[in-house]
Protein backbone atom coordinates (compact mmCIF):
# COMPACT_ATOMS: atom_id res chain seq x y z
CA MET A 1 0.00 0.00 0.00
CA PRO A 2 1.52 3.39 -0.92
CA LEU A 3 2.29 5.66 1.99
CA ILE A 4 3.70 9.18 2.06
CA VAL A 5 6.36 9.61 4.74
CA GLY A 6 8.26 12.91 5.01
CA GLY A 7 7.14 13.91 1.51
CA PHE A 8 8.39 10.65 -0.05
CA LEU A 9 6.21 7.95 -1.54
CA THR A 10 7.00 4.59 0.07
CA THR A 11 5.48 1.16 0.09
CA ALA A 12 4.44 -0.18 3.49
CA MET A 13 3.96 -3.88 4.14
CA ALA A 14 1.81 -5.04 7.03
CA ALA A 15 3.48 -7.55 9.32
CA PHE A 16 1.28 -10.45 10.28
CA GLY A 17 2.30 -12.96 12.92
CA GLN A 18 2.24 -16.61 12.01
CA GLN A 19 0.16 -18.99 14.07
CA CYS A 20 1.47 -22.05 15.85
CA ASP A 21 -0.29 -25.43 15.96
CA ILE A 22 0.72 -27.53 18.95
CA LEU A 23 -0.29 -31.16 19.31
CA PHE A 24 0.88 -34.36 20.97
CA GLN A 25 3.73 -36.21 19.26
CA GLY A 26 2.66 -39.83 19.58
CA THR A 27 0.82 -41.25 22.57
CA PRO A 28 1.69 -40.15 26.12
CA VAL A 29 2.91 -42.73 28.63
CA VAL A 30 1.72 -43.38 32.20
CA SER A 31 4.07 -45.04 34.66
CA PRO A 32 4.11 -47.06 36.76
CA ASP A 33 1.36 -49.33 35.53
CA PRO A 34 -0.15 -50.77 37.67
CA VAL A 35 -0.10 -48.20 40.45
CA THR A 36 -1.33 -48.43 44.05
CA ALA A 37 -4.09 -46.04 45.14
CA GLY A 38 -2.62 -43.10 47.04
CA ARG A 39 0.61 -43.24 45.00
CA ASP A 40 1.94 -41.09 42.17
CA ILE A 41 1.87 -41.69 38.45
CA THR A 42 4.01 -39.88 35.91
CA PHE A 43 2.33 -38.74 32.71
CA SER A 44 5.01 -38.13 30.06
CA TYR A 45 4.51 -36.61 26.63
CA VAL A 46 6.14 -34.65 23.80
CA ILE A 47 4.62 -31.56 22.18
CA HIS A 48 5.04 -30.99 18.44
CA ASN A 49 4.49 -27.58 16.82
CA ASN A 50 3.02 -28.22 13.38
CA GLY A 51 2.53 -24.53 12.58
CA PRO A 52 4.77 -21.97 10.87
CA GLY A 53 4.89 -19.74 13.98
CA ASN A 54 6.72 -20.38 17.25
CA ALA A 55 4.61 -21.38 20.26
CA GLY A 56 5.31 -19.63 23.55
CA THR A 57 4.94 -21.19 26.96
CA SER A 58 1.48 -22.36 27.96
CA GLN A 59 -0.40 -24.54 30.44
CA THR A 60 -1.37 -28.22 30.10
CA LEU A 61 -4.19 -29.91 32.02
CA ILE A 62 -3.72 -33.58 32.86
CA HIS A 63 -6.89 -35.40 33.81
CA ILE A 64 -7.60 -38.84 35.31
CA GLU A 65 -11.00 -40.58 35.12
CA ASN A 66 -12.26 -43.85 36.53
CA SER A 67 -13.95 -46.48 34.35
CA SER A 68 -17.30 -44.70 34.81
CA GLY A 69 -15.89 -41.50 33.29
CA THR A 70 -15.86 -39.66 36.63
CA ALA A 71 -12.91 -37.30 37.16
CA ILE A 72 -10.79 -38.37 40.13
CA ALA A 73 -7.78 -36.07 39.65
CA GLY A 74 -6.61 -33.21 37.49
CA GLU A 75 -3.77 -30.75 37.62
CA ILE A 76 -2.38 -27.94 35.48
CA PHE A 77 1.32 -27.95 34.56
CA SER A 78 3.55 -25.49 32.71
CA ALA A 79 4.46 -26.40 29.13
CA PRO A 80 7.57 -25.11 27.35
CA ALA A 81 7.84 -22.91 24.27
CA VAL A 82 8.18 -24.95 21.07
CA ASN A 83 9.67 -23.54 17.86
CA ALA A 84 7.87 -23.94 14.54
CA GLY A 85 8.27 -27.46 13.15
CA ALA A 86 10.04 -28.70 16.28
CA ASN A 87 9.35 -31.00 19.23
CA SER A 88 9.64 -30.19 22.92
CA SER A 89 11.77 -32.31 25.17
CA THR A 90 9.79 -35.02 26.96
CA GLN A 91 7.59 -33.47 29.64
CA TYR A 92 7.15 -35.39 32.92
CA CYS A 93 4.17 -34.50 35.13
CA THR A 94 3.42 -36.24 38.42
CA LEU A 95 -0.11 -36.70 39.76
CA THR A 96 -1.38 -38.62 42.76
CA VAL A 97 -4.03 -41.29 42.29
CA PRO A 98 -6.32 -40.54 45.26
CA ALA A 99 -6.16 -42.90 48.23
CA GLY A 100 -9.25 -45.08 48.31
CA SER A 101 -9.51 -45.31 44.51
CA LEU A 102 -11.05 -48.66 43.64
CA THR A 103 -9.17 -51.38 41.81
CA GLY A 104 -9.75 -51.15 38.08
CA THR A 105 -8.86 -49.45 34.82
CA TYR A 106 -8.39 -45.68 34.75
CA THR A 107 -7.82 -43.28 31.88
CA ALA A 108 -5.39 -40.36 31.78
CA TYR A 109 -5.34 -37.70 29.07
CA ALA A 110 -4.23 -34.10 28.66
CA PHE A 111 -5.26 -30.83 27.01
CA LEU A 112 -2.60 -28.47 25.67
CA ASP A 113 -2.87 -24.68 26.07
CA ILE A 114 -5.77 -25.07 28.51
CA GLU A 115 -5.84 -21.31 29.21
CA GLY A 116 -5.86 -20.27 25.53
CA GLN A 117 -2.57 -18.39 25.76
CA LEU A 118 -1.35 -19.29 22.26
CA ASP A 119 -2.46 -18.05 18.85
CA GLU A 120 -3.13 -21.47 17.33
CA SER A 121 -4.37 -22.22 13.84
CA ASP A 122 -6.05 -25.44 15.04
CA THR A 123 -7.18 -26.16 18.60
CA SER A 124 -9.09 -29.34 17.74
CA ASN A 125 -5.87 -31.38 18.12
CA ASP A 126 -5.00 -30.15 21.64
CA ARG A 127 -6.35 -33.29 23.39
CA SER A 128 -4.04 -36.24 23.83
CA PRO A 129 -4.93 -39.82 23.03
CA ASP A 130 -6.31 -41.70 26.06
CA VAL A 131 -3.82 -43.69 28.12
CA ASN A 132 -5.28 -46.53 30.18
CA PHE A 133 -3.62 -47.79 33.35
CA THR A 134 -4.54 -50.05 36.25
CA VAL A 135 -4.97 -49.27 39.95
């Protein structure tokens, strides 16, 4: 677009930021499996940025449900910045399976950028695959 600056005709170009697109690289892992009620599990995962823009730091929610789909635990963890086209290092988040949890199969999963801090081109891929484990 032409622009007159100081009496001179110039061409100005608008600068538009590029969006990131973070998602889970592969399936997260829960360990140990099985776990005793009242003990900790570690949910580990890698974030991939599929977009052309860098992703800043954000927050990830990790959620645990029992076999009935009832939430028994959830916690928010910090997630690192991830450059465009790159992977994060493996993230390790520790949660406690509540004491008194019944024996059975449980499901853990996570949501990236839970607080909407990033300018993402696609948020439909921010949920991890389910990871089943036994208490």
